[in-house]
């Protein structure tokens, strides 16, 4: 099996099962959910206030919580480093699935 650095994915549908396998640890998934929720709140604050500092806060919340989950709990390297677009998409698909009960926390 090739490492994440060597893997090529033909589509997001091919990538997503790999993405889920990189999120087996419950605490990691919970941190992703918290970070994504805080990011959405920061984006709402940006829209309401017009203060672009909220965009930086959204990025710090989203990636900060997720990366702590990966490095401290999952003990792996975030897929964001090699597959940024698919990883970003995966974050929001997993978030939606957790929010709707299709994936566990």
PDB file of N, CA and C in Angstrom:
ATOM      1  N   UNK A   1       0.849  -1.185   0.000  1.00  0.00           N
ATOM      2  CA  UNK A   1       0.000   0.000   0.000  1.00  0.00           C
ATOM      3  C   UNK A   1       0.889   1.241   0.000  1.00  0.00           C
ATOM      4  N   UNK A   2       0.600   2.179  -0.855  1.00  0.00           N
ATOM      5  CA  UNK A   2       1.402   3.391  -0.928  1.00  0.00           C
ATOM      6  C   UNK A   2       1.000   4.359   0.173  1.00  0.00           C
ATOM      7  N   UNK A   3       1.908   5.245   0.512  1.00  0.00           N
ATOM      8  CA  UNK A   3       1.619   6.235   1.543  1.00  0.00           C
ATOM      9  C   UNK A   3       0.715   7.314   0.964  1.00  0.00           C
ATOM     10  N   UNK A   4       0.200   8.162   1.852  1.00  0.00           N
ATOM     11  CA  UNK A   4      -0.672   9.254   1.406  1.00  0.00           C
ATOM     12  C   UNK A   4       0.067  10.174   0.445  1.00  0.00           C
ATOM     13  N   UNK A   5       1.378  10.331   0.641  1.00  0.00           N
ATOM     14  CA  UNK A   5       2.163  11.202  -0.225  1.00  0.00           C
ATOM     15  C   UNK A   5       2.217  10.666  -1.648  1.00  0.00           C
ATOM     16  N   UNK A   6       2.152   9.343  -1.822  1.00  0.00           N
ATOM     17  CA  UNK A   6       2.280   8.723  -3.128  1.00  0.00           C
ATOM     18  C   UNK A   6       0.931   8.429  -3.776  1.00  0.00           C
ATOM     19  N   UNK A   7      -0.125   8.384  -3.008  1.00  0.00           N
ATOM     20  CA  UNK A   7      -1.445   7.993  -3.533  1.00  0.00           C
ATOM     21  C   UNK A   7      -1.982   9.046  -4.472  1.00  0.00           C
ATOM     22  N   UNK A   8      -2.570   8.590  -5.530  1.00  0.00           N
ATOM     23  CA  UNK A   8      -3.278   9.454  -6.468  1.00  0.00           C
ATOM     24  C   UNK A   8      -4.732   9.005  -6.461  1.00  0.00           C
ATOM     25  N   UNK A   9      -5.623   9.945  -6.445  1.00  0.00           N
ATOM     26  CA  UNK A   9      -7.045   9.642  -6.425  1.00  0.00           C
ATOM     27  C   UNK A   9      -7.673  10.222  -7.682  1.00  0.00           C
ATOM     28  N   UNK A  10      -8.419   9.409  -8.378  1.00  0.00           N
ATOM     29  CA  UNK A  10      -9.036   9.836  -9.636  1.00  0.00           C
ATOM     30  C   UNK A  10     -10.248  10.717  -9.407  1.00  0.00           C
ATOM     31  N   UNK A  11     -10.839  10.636  -8.208  1.00  0.00           N
ATOM     32  CA  UNK A  11     -12.048  11.408  -7.928  1.00  0.00           C
ATOM     33  C   UNK A  11     -12.209  11.562  -6.418  1.00  0.00           C
ATOM     34  N   UNK A  12     -13.104  12.449  -6.046  1.00  0.00           N
ATOM     35  CA  UNK A  12     -13.404  12.596  -4.628  1.00  0.00           C
ATOM     36  C   UNK A  12     -14.052  11.325  -4.094  1.00  0.00           C
ATOM     37  N   UNK A  13     -14.882  10.680  -4.885  1.00  0.00           N
ATOM     38  CA  UNK A  13     -15.528   9.430  -4.460  1.00  0.00           C
ATOM     39  C   UNK A  13     -14.484   8.362  -4.132  1.00  0.00           C
ATOM     40  N   UNK A  14     -13.382   8.355  -4.840  1.00  0.00           N
ATOM     41  CA  UNK A  14     -12.295   7.421  -4.557  1.00  0.00           C
ATOM     42  C   UNK A  14     -11.518   7.849  -3.312  1.00  0.00           C
ATOM     43  N   UNK A  15     -11.381   9.147  -3.113  1.00  0.00           N
ATOM     44  CA  UNK A  15     -10.617   9.689  -1.985  1.00  0.00           C
ATOM     45  C   UNK A  15     -11.360   9.539  -0.650  1.00  0.00           C
ATOM     46  N   UNK A  16     -12.673   9.719  -0.660  1.00  0.00           N
ATOM     47  CA  UNK A  16     -13.413   9.823   0.601  1.00  0.00           C
ATOM     48  C   UNK A  16     -13.276   8.605   1.522  1.00  0.00           C
ATOM     49  N   UNK A  17     -13.306   7.372   1.032  1.00  0.00           N
ATOM     50  CA  UNK A  17     -13.070   6.247   1.956  1.00  0.00           C
ATOM     51  C   UNK A  17     -11.692   6.318   2.625  1.00  0.00           C
ATOM     52  N   UNK A  18     -10.689   6.755   1.873  1.00  0.00           N
ATOM     53  CA  UNK A  18      -9.363   6.958   2.467  1.00  0.00           C
ATOM     54  C   UNK A  18      -9.435   8.033   3.544  1.00  0.00           C
ATOM     55  N   UNK A  19     -10.115   9.135   3.224  1.00  0.00           N
ATOM     56  CA  UNK A  19     -10.274  10.229   4.185  1.00  0.00           C
ATOM     57  C   UNK A  19     -10.897   9.722   5.484  1.00  0.00           C
ATOM     58  N   UNK A  20     -11.953   8.947   5.381  1.00  0.00           N
ATOM     59  CA  UNK A  20     -12.604   8.407   6.577  1.00  0.00           C
ATOM     60  C   UNK A  20     -11.673   7.492   7.364  1.00  0.00           C
ATOM     61  N   UNK A  21     -10.852   6.728   6.664  1.00  0.00           N
ATOM     62  CA  UNK A  21      -9.917   5.832   7.359  1.00  0.00           C
ATOM     63  C   UNK A  21      -8.878   6.613   8.145  1.00  0.00           C
ATOM     64  N   UNK A  22      -8.619   7.837   7.747  1.00  0.00           N
ATOM     65  CA  UNK A  22      -7.669   8.704   8.448  1.00  0.00           C
ATOM     66  C   UNK A  22      -8.312   9.413   9.641  1.00  0.00           C
ATOM     67  N   UNK A  23      -9.579   9.127   9.890  1.00  0.00           N
ATOM     68  CA  UNK A  23     -10.344   9.744  10.978  1.00  0.00           C
ATOM     69  C   UNK A  23     -11.002   8.679  11.846  1.00  0.00           C
ATOM     70  N   UNK A  24     -10.283   7.620  12.143  1.00  0.00           N
ATOM     71  CA  UNK A  24     -10.832   6.515  12.930  1.00  0.00           C
ATOM     72  C   UNK A  24     -10.965   6.870  14.408  1.00  0.00           C
ATOM     73  N   UNK A  25     -10.136   7.778  14.886  1.00  0.00           N
ATOM     74  CA  UNK A  25     -10.148   8.151  16.296  1.00  0.00           C
ATOM     75  C   UNK A  25     -11.310   9.098  16.592  1.00  0.00           C
ATOM     76  N   UNK A  26     -12.106   8.751  17.587  1.00  0.00           N
ATOM     77  CA  UNK A  26     -13.295   9.539  17.922  1.00  0.00           C
ATOM     78  C   UNK A  26     -12.943  10.977  18.315  1.00  0.00           C
ATOM     79  N   UNK A  27     -11.912  11.159  19.111  1.00  0.00           N
ATOM     80  CA  UNK A  27     -11.528  12.510  19.535  1.00  0.00           C
ATOM     81  C   UNK A  27     -11.123  13.354  18.341  1.00  0.00           C
ATOM     82  N   UNK A  28     -10.445  12.745  17.394  1.00  0.00           N
ATOM     83  CA  UNK A  28     -10.064  13.468  16.172  1.00  0.00           C
ATOM     84  C   UNK A  28     -11.309  13.955  15.433  1.00  0.00           C
ATOM     85  N   UNK A  29     -12.285  13.081  15.268  1.00  0.00           N
ATOM     86  CA  UNK A  29     -13.539  13.465  14.590  1.00  0.00           C
ATOM     87  C   UNK A  29     -14.257  14.571  15.363  1.00  0.00           C
ATOM     88  N   UNK A  30     -14.290  14.444  16.697  1.00  0.00           N
ATOM     89  CA  UNK A  30     -14.949  15.470  17.514  1.00  0.00           C
ATOM     90  C   UNK A  30     -14.250  16.817  17.363  1.00  0.00           C
ATOM     91  N   UNK A  31     -12.927  16.808  17.343  1.00  0.00           N
ATOM     92  CA  UNK A  31     -12.184  18.062  17.168  1.00  0.00           C
ATOM     93  C   UNK A  31     -12.444  18.665  15.787  1.00  0.00           C
ATOM     94  N   UNK A  32     -12.562  17.822  14.768  1.00  0.00           N
ATOM     95  CA  UNK A  32     -12.933  18.321  13.446  1.00  0.00           C
ATOM     96  C   UNK A  32     -14.298  19.009  13.498  1.00  0.00           C
ATOM     97  N   UNK A  33     -15.240  18.379  14.170  1.00  0.00           N
ATOM     98  CA  UNK A  33     -16.592  18.925  14.243  1.00  0.00           C
ATOM     99  C   UNK A  33     -16.594  20.269  14.978  1.00  0.00           C
ATOM    100  N   UNK A  34     -15.901  20.334  16.097  1.00  0.00           N
ATOM    101  CA  UNK A  34     -15.828  21.591  16.858  1.00  0.00           C
ATOM    102  C   UNK A  34     -15.158  22.681  16.021  1.00  0.00           C
ATOM    103  N   UNK A  35     -14.034  22.348  15.399  1.00  0.00           N
ATOM    104  CA  UNK A  35     -13.330  23.330  14.575  1.00  0.00           C
ATOM    105  C   UNK A  35     -14.160  23.822  13.409  1.00  0.00           C
ATOM    106  N   UNK A  36     -14.869  22.921  12.765  1.00  0.00           N
ATOM    107  CA  UNK A  36     -15.716  23.315  11.633  1.00  0.00           C
ATOM    108  C   UNK A  36     -16.873  24.191  12.094  1.00  0.00           C
ATOM    109  N   UNK A  37     -17.474  23.849  13.229  1.00  0.00           N
ATOM    110  CA  UNK A  37     -18.569  24.661  13.769  1.00  0.00           C
ATOM    111  C   UNK A  37     -18.077  26.065  14.115  1.00  0.00           C
ATOM    112  N   UNK A  38     -16.925  26.144  14.775  1.00  0.00           N
ATOM    113  CA  UNK A  38     -16.358  27.459  15.105  1.00  0.00           C
ATOM    114  C   UNK A  38     -16.013  28.245  13.840  1.00  0.00           C
ATOM    115  N   UNK A  39     -15.545  27.546  12.812  1.00  0.00           N
ATOM    116  CA  UNK A  39     -15.252  28.217  11.541  1.00  0.00           C
ATOM    117  C   UNK A  39     -16.514  28.830  10.941  1.00  0.00           C
ATOM    118  N   UNK A  40     -17.607  28.080  10.980  1.00  0.00           N
ATOM    119  CA  UNK A  40     -18.869  28.615  10.467  1.00  0.00           C
ATOM    120  C   UNK A  40     -19.323  29.833  11.258  1.00  0.00           C
ATOM    121  N   UNK A  41     -19.148  29.781  12.571  1.00  0.00           N
ATOM    122  CA  UNK A  41     -19.503  30.937  13.407  1.00  0.00           C
ATOM    123  C   UNK A  41     -18.619  32.143  13.084  1.00  0.00           C
ATOM    124  N   UNK A  42     -17.346  31.897  12.847  1.00  0.00           N
ATOM    125  CA  UNK A  42     -16.443  32.988  12.464  1.00  0.00           C
ATOM    126  C   UNK A  42     -16.844  33.583  11.115  1.00  0.00           C
ATOM    127  N   UNK A  43     -17.242  32.734  10.181  1.00  0.00           N
ATOM    128  CA  UNK A  43     -17.684  33.247   8.879  1.00  0.00           C
ATOM    129  C   UNK A  43     -18.973  34.051   9.000  1.00  0.00           C
ATOM    130  N   UNK A  44     -19.861  33.625   9.901  1.00  0.00           N
ATOM    131  CA  UNK A  44     -21.075  34.409  10.163  1.00  0.00           C
ATOM    132  C   UNK A  44     -20.705  35.771  10.752  1.00  0.00           C
ATOM    133  N   UNK A  45     -19.736  35.774  11.657  1.00  0.00           N
ATOM    134  CA  UNK A  45     -19.281  37.038  12.250  1.00  0.00           C
ATOM    135  C   UNK A  45     -18.677  37.944  11.176  1.00  0.00           C
ATOM    136  N   UNK A  46     -17.955  37.365  10.230  1.00  0.00           N
ATOM    137  CA  UNK A  46     -17.405  38.133   9.115  1.00  0.00           C
ATOM    138  C   UNK A  46     -18.522  38.785   8.309  1.00  0.00           C
ATOM    139  N   UNK A  47     -19.535  37.994   7.983  1.00  0.00           N
ATOM    140  CA  UNK A  47     -20.645  38.535   7.197  1.00  0.00           C
ATOM    141  C   UNK A  47     -21.400  39.634   7.944  1.00  0.00           C
ATOM    142  N   UNK A  48     -21.563  39.459   9.251  1.00  0.00           N
ATOM    143  CA  UNK A  48     -22.303  40.437  10.049  1.00  0.00           C
ATOM    144  C   UNK A  48     -21.507  41.706  10.330  1.00  0.00           C
ATOM    145  N   UNK A  49     -20.205  41.554  10.507  1.00  0.00           N
ATOM    146  CA  UNK A  49     -19.383  42.695  10.915  1.00  0.00           C
ATOM    147  C   UNK A  49     -18.600  43.338   9.780  1.00  0.00           C
ATOM    148  N   UNK A  50     -18.315  42.559   8.741  1.00  0.00           N
ATOM    149  CA  UNK A  50     -17.455  43.070   7.679  1.00  0.00           C
ATOM    150  C   UNK A  50     -15.988  43.090   8.057  1.00  0.00           C
ATOM    151  N   UNK A  51     -15.673  42.567   9.230  1.00  0.00           N
ATOM    152  CA  UNK A  51     -14.291  42.535   9.717  1.00  0.00           C
ATOM    153  C   UNK A  51     -13.602  41.285   9.166  1.00  0.00           C
ATOM    154  N   UNK A  52     -12.624  41.490   8.276  1.00  0.00           N
ATOM    155  CA  UNK A  52     -11.943  40.380   7.613  1.00  0.00           C
ATOM    156  C   UNK A  52     -11.045  39.570   8.551  1.00  0.00           C
ATOM    157  N   UNK A  53     -10.832  40.049   9.759  1.00  0.00           N
ATOM    158  CA  UNK A  53     -10.093  39.277  10.744  1.00  0.00           C
ATOM    159  C   UNK A  53     -10.786  37.964  11.079  1.00  0.00           C
ATOM    160  N   UNK A  54     -12.104  37.945  10.901  1.00  0.00           N
ATOM    161  CA  UNK A  54     -12.859  36.722  11.163  1.00  0.00           C
ATOM    162  C   UNK A  54     -12.517  35.611  10.177  1.00  0.00           C
ATOM    163  N   UNK A  55     -12.060  35.978   8.989  1.00  0.00           N
ATOM    164  CA  UNK A  55     -11.649  34.950   8.030  1.00  0.00           C
ATOM    165  C   UNK A  55     -10.409  34.215   8.552  1.00  0.00           C
ATOM    166  N   UNK A  56      -9.464  34.962   9.071  1.00  0.00           N
ATOM    167  CA  UNK A  56      -8.273  34.333   9.660  1.00  0.00           C
ATOM    168  C   UNK A  56      -8.670  33.452  10.842  1.00  0.00           C
ATOM    169  N   UNK A  57      -9.591  33.939  11.651  1.00  0.00           N
ATOM    170  CA  UNK A  57     -10.056  33.151  12.805  1.00  0.00           C
ATOM    171  C   UNK A  57     -10.731  31.860  12.346  1.00  0.00           C
ATOM    172  N   UNK A  58     -11.491  31.941  11.258  1.00  0.00           N
ATOM    173  CA  UNK A  58     -12.157  30.746  10.723  1.00  0.00           C
ATOM    174  C   UNK A  58     -11.127  29.702  10.291  1.00  0.00           C
ATOM    175  N   UNK A  59     -10.078  30.137   9.623  1.00  0.00           N
ATOM    176  CA  UNK A  59      -9.035  29.215   9.185  1.00  0.00           C
ATOM    177  C   UNK A  59      -8.281  28.606  10.364  1.00  0.00           C
ATOM    178  N   UNK A  60      -7.970  29.432  11.348  1.00  0.00           N
ATOM    179  CA  UNK A  60      -7.257  28.935  12.541  1.00  0.00           C
ATOM    180  C   UNK A  60      -8.121  27.918  13.281  1.00  0.00           C
ATOM    181  N   UNK A  61      -9.389  28.218  13.441  1.00  0.00           N
ATOM    182  CA  UNK A  61     -10.286  27.277  14.133  1.00  0.00           C
ATOM    183  C   UNK A  61     -10.412  25.969  13.363  1.00  0.00           C
ATOM    184  N   UNK A  62     -10.710  26.058  12.092  1.00  0.00           N
ATOM    185  CA  UNK A  62     -10.926  24.858  11.295  1.00  0.00           C
ATOM    186  C   UNK A  62      -9.699  23.971  11.223  1.00  0.00           C
ATOM    187  N   UNK A  63      -8.590  24.541  10.817  1.00  0.00           N
ATOM    188  CA  UNK A  63      -7.383  23.733  10.670  1.00  0.00           C
ATOM    189  C   UNK A  63      -6.715  23.452  12.009  1.00  0.00           C
ATOM    190  N   UNK A  64      -6.762  24.394  12.920  1.00  0.00           N
ATOM    191  CA  UNK A  64      -6.121  24.187  14.223  1.00  0.00           C
ATOM    192  C   UNK A  64      -6.694  23.003  14.981  1.00  0.00           C
ATOM    193  N   UNK A  65      -7.996  22.965  15.126  1.00  0.00           N
ATOM    194  CA  UNK A  65      -8.626  21.854  15.841  1.00  0.00           C
ATOM    195  C   UNK A  65      -8.382  20.529  15.113  1.00  0.00           C
ATOM    196  N   UNK A  66      -8.501  20.546  13.786  1.00  0.00           N
ATOM    197  CA  UNK A  66      -8.306  19.315  13.009  1.00  0.00           C
ATOM    198  C   UNK A  66      -6.877  18.804  13.147  1.00  0.00           C
ATOM    199  N   UNK A  67      -5.906  19.687  13.056  1.00  0.00           N
ATOM    200  CA  UNK A  67      -4.511  19.253  13.113  1.00  0.00           C
ATOM    201  C   UNK A  67      -4.134  18.749  14.497  1.00  0.00           C
ATOM    202  N   UNK A  68      -4.689  19.345  15.539  1.00  0.00           N
ATOM    203  CA  UNK A  68      -4.464  18.796  16.884  1.00  0.00           C
ATOM    204  C   UNK A  68      -5.024  17.376  16.939  1.00  0.00           C
ATOM    205  N   UNK A  69      -6.200  17.181  16.375  1.00  0.00           N
ATOM    206  CA  UNK A  69      -6.793  15.849  16.344  1.00  0.00           C
ATOM    207  C   UNK A  69      -5.904  14.836  15.639  1.00  0.00           C
ATOM    208  N   UNK A  70      -5.311  15.246  14.538  1.00  0.00           N
ATOM    209  CA  UNK A  70      -4.456  14.322  13.790  1.00  0.00           C
ATOM    210  C   UNK A  70      -3.137  14.059  14.498  1.00  0.00           C
ATOM    211  N   UNK A  71      -2.442  15.095  14.898  1.00  0.00           N
ATOM    212  CA  UNK A  71      -1.105  14.917  15.471  1.00  0.00           C
ATOM    213  C   UNK A  71      -1.140  14.308  16.869  1.00  0.00           C
ATOM    214  N   UNK A  72      -2.110  14.715  17.694  1.00  0.00           N
ATOM    215  CA  UNK A  72      -2.137  14.258  19.082  1.00  0.00           C
ATOM    216  C   UNK A  72      -2.933  12.964  19.268  1.00  0.00           C
ATOM    217  N   UNK A  73      -4.029  12.804  18.583  1.00  0.00           N
ATOM    218  CA  UNK A  73      -4.928  11.669  18.841  1.00  0.00           C
ATOM    219  C   UNK A  73      -4.896  10.610  17.733  1.00  0.00           C
ATOM    220  N   UNK A  74      -4.975  11.046  16.495  1.00  0.00           N
ATOM    221  CA  UNK A  74      -4.986  10.088  15.384  1.00  0.00           C
ATOM    222  C   UNK A  74      -3.580   9.570  15.091  1.00  0.00           C
ATOM    223  N   UNK A  75      -2.585  10.390  15.417  1.00  0.00           N
ATOM    224  CA  UNK A  75      -1.168  10.044  15.196  1.00  0.00           C
ATOM    225  C   UNK A  75      -0.872   9.826  13.707  1.00  0.00           C
ATOM    226  N   UNK A  76      -1.416  10.715  12.886  1.00  0.00           N
ATOM    227  CA  UNK A  76      -1.111  10.670  11.461  1.00  0.00           C
ATOM    228  C   UNK A  76      -0.951  12.091  10.931  1.00  0.00           C
ATOM    229  N   UNK A  77      -0.534  12.179   9.706  1.00  0.00           N
ATOM    230  CA  UNK A  77      -0.331  13.477   9.063  1.00  0.00           C
ATOM    231  C   UNK A  77      -1.601  13.841   8.294  1.00  0.00           C
ATOM    232  N   UNK A  78      -2.152  15.024   8.516  1.00  0.00           N
ATOM    233  CA  UNK A  78      -3.386  15.398   7.826  1.00  0.00           C
ATOM    234  C   UNK A  78      -3.257  15.298   6.306  1.00  0.00           C
ATOM    235  N   UNK A  79      -4.289  14.793   5.678  1.00  0.00           N
ATOM    236  CA  UNK A  79      -4.313  14.666   4.218  1.00  0.00           C
ATOM    237  C   UNK A  79      -4.273  16.034   3.540  1.00  0.00           C
ATOM    238  N   UNK A  80      -4.573  17.081   4.281  1.00  0.00           N
ATOM    239  CA  UNK A  80      -4.554  18.445   3.755  1.00  0.00           C
ATOM    240  C   UNK A  80      -3.214  18.773   3.101  1.00  0.00           C
ATOM    241  N   UNK A  81      -2.136  18.215   3.630  1.00  0.00           N
ATOM    242  CA  UNK A  81      -0.813  18.557   3.129  1.00  0.00           C
ATOM    243  C   UNK A  81      -0.560  18.040   1.713  1.00  0.00           C
ATOM    244  N   UNK A  82      -1.189  16.938   1.346  1.00  0.00           N
ATOM    245  CA  UNK A  82      -0.980  16.373   0.010  1.00  0.00           C
ATOM    246  C   UNK A  82      -2.213  16.448  -0.890  1.00  0.00           C
ATOM    247  N   UNK A  83      -3.376  16.544  -0.281  1.00  0.00           N
ATOM    248  CA  UNK A  83      -4.635  16.570  -1.039  1.00  0.00           C
ATOM    249  C   UNK A  83      -5.533  17.677  -0.484  1.00  0.00           C
ATOM    250  N   UNK A  84      -5.131  18.934  -0.633  1.00  0.00           N
ATOM    251  CA  UNK A  84      -5.864  20.020   0.036  1.00  0.00           C
ATOM    252  C   UNK A  84      -7.328  20.172  -0.386  1.00  0.00           C
ATOM    253  N   UNK A  85      -7.616  20.087  -1.663  1.00  0.00           N
ATOM    254  CA  UNK A  85      -9.005  20.283  -2.103  1.00  0.00           C
ATOM    255  C   UNK A  85      -9.891  19.125  -1.659  1.00  0.00           C
ATOM    256  N   UNK A  86      -9.469  17.905  -1.935  1.00  0.00           N
ATOM    257  CA  UNK A  86     -10.258  16.740  -1.532  1.00  0.00           C
ATOM    258  C   UNK A  86     -10.398  16.676  -0.014  1.00  0.00           C
ATOM    259  N   UNK A  87      -9.359  17.041   0.703  1.00  0.00           N
ATOM    260  CA  UNK A  87      -9.422  17.023   2.163  1.00  0.00           C
ATOM    261  C   UNK A  87     -10.435  18.055   2.666  1.00  0.00           C
ATOM    262  N   UNK A  88     -10.417  19.248   2.084  1.00  0.00           N
ATOM    263  CA  UNK A  88     -11.372  20.285   2.453  1.00  0.00           C
ATOM    264  C   UNK A  88     -12.799  19.813   2.182  1.00  0.00           C
ATOM    265  N   UNK A  89     -12.997  19.196   1.028  1.00  0.00           N
ATOM    266  CA  UNK A  89     -14.313  18.661   0.691  1.00  0.00           C
ATOM    267  C   UNK A  89     -14.713  17.563   1.677  1.00  0.00           C
ATOM    268  N   UNK A  90     -13.767  16.698   1.997  1.00  0.00           N
ATOM    269  CA  UNK A  90     -14.024  15.613   2.946  1.00  0.00           C
ATOM    270  C   UNK A  90     -14.414  16.124   4.313  1.00  0.00           C
ATOM    271  N   UNK A  91     -13.769  17.217   4.752  1.00  0.00           N
ATOM    272  CA  UNK A  91     -14.114  17.804   6.046  1.00  0.00           C
ATOM    273  C   UNK A  91     -15.601  18.148   6.103  1.00  0.00           C
ATOM    274  N   UNK A  92     -16.087  18.762   5.030  1.00  0.00           N
ATOM    275  CA  UNK A  92     -17.479  19.226   5.049  1.00  0.00           C
ATOM    276  C   UNK A  92     -18.471  18.098   4.806  1.00  0.00           C
ATOM    277  N   UNK A  93     -18.089  17.090   4.036  1.00  0.00           N
ATOM    278  CA  UNK A  93     -18.969  15.923   3.877  1.00  0.00           C
ATOM    279  C   UNK A  93     -19.073  15.197   5.215  1.00  0.00           C
ATOM    280  N   UNK A  94     -17.931  14.975   5.879  1.00  0.00           N
ATOM    281  CA  UNK A  94     -17.957  14.304   7.177  1.00  0.00           C
ATOM    282  C   UNK A  94     -18.742  15.143   8.197  1.00  0.00           C
ATOM    283  N   UNK A  95     -18.549  16.456   8.177  1.00  0.00           N
ATOM    284  CA  UNK A  95     -19.280  17.341   9.086  1.00  0.00           C
ATOM    285  C   UNK A  95     -20.791  17.165   8.888  1.00  0.00           C
ATOM    286  N   UNK A  96     -21.233  17.209   7.642  1.00  0.00           N
ATOM    287  CA  UNK A  96     -22.653  17.063   7.337  1.00  0.00           C
ATOM    288  C   UNK A  96     -23.156  15.690   7.783  1.00  0.00           C
ATOM    289  N   UNK A  97     -22.370  14.658   7.535  1.00  0.00           N
ATOM    290  CA  UNK A  97     -22.776  13.312   7.940  1.00  0.00           C
ATOM    291  C   UNK A  97     -22.851  13.188   9.462  1.00  0.00           C
ATOM    292  N   UNK A  98     -21.954  13.847  10.173  1.00  0.00           N
ATOM    293  CA  UNK A  98     -22.015  13.830  11.634  1.00  0.00           C
ATOM    294  C   UNK A  98     -23.230  14.622  12.119  1.00  0.00           C
ATOM    295  N   UNK A  99     -23.457  15.754  11.512  1.00  0.00           N
ATOM    296  CA  UNK A  99     -24.596  16.604  11.899  1.00  0.00           C
ATOM    297  C   UNK A  99     -25.916  15.907  11.675  1.00  0.00           C
ATOM    298  N   UNK A 100     -26.011  15.115  10.630  1.00  0.00           N
ATOM    299  CA  UNK A 100     -27.264  14.437  10.287  1.00  0.00           C
ATOM    300  C   UNK A 100     -27.344  13.011  10.828  1.00  0.00           C
ATOM    301  N   UNK A 101     -26.338  12.590  11.572  1.00  0.00           N
ATOM    302  CA  UNK A 101     -26.367  11.265  12.191  1.00  0.00           C
ATOM    303  C   UNK A 101     -25.933  10.115  11.298  1.00  0.00           C
ATOM    304  N   UNK A 102     -25.441  10.415  10.114  1.00  0.00           N
ATOM    305  CA  UNK A 102     -24.985   9.360   9.201  1.00  0.00           C
ATOM    306  C   UNK A 102     -23.582   8.881   9.520  1.00  0.00           C
ATOM    307  N   UNK A 103     -22.845   9.666  10.320  1.00  0.00           N
ATOM    308  CA  UNK A 103     -21.493   9.284  10.768  1.00  0.00           C
ATOM    309  C   UNK A 103     -21.430   9.578  12.261  1.00  0.00           C
ATOM    310  N   UNK A 104     -20.644   8.788  12.968  1.00  0.00           N
ATOM    311  CA  UNK A 104     -20.576   8.972  14.423  1.00  0.00           C
ATOM    312  C   UNK A 104     -19.538  10.015  14.802  1.00  0.00           C
ATOM    313  N   UNK A 105     -19.737  10.552  15.975  1.00  0.00           N
ATOM    314  CA  UNK A 105     -18.776  11.509  16.539  1.00  0.00           C
ATOM    315  C   UNK A 105     -17.595  10.772  17.085  1.00  0.00           C
TER     316      UNK A 105
END
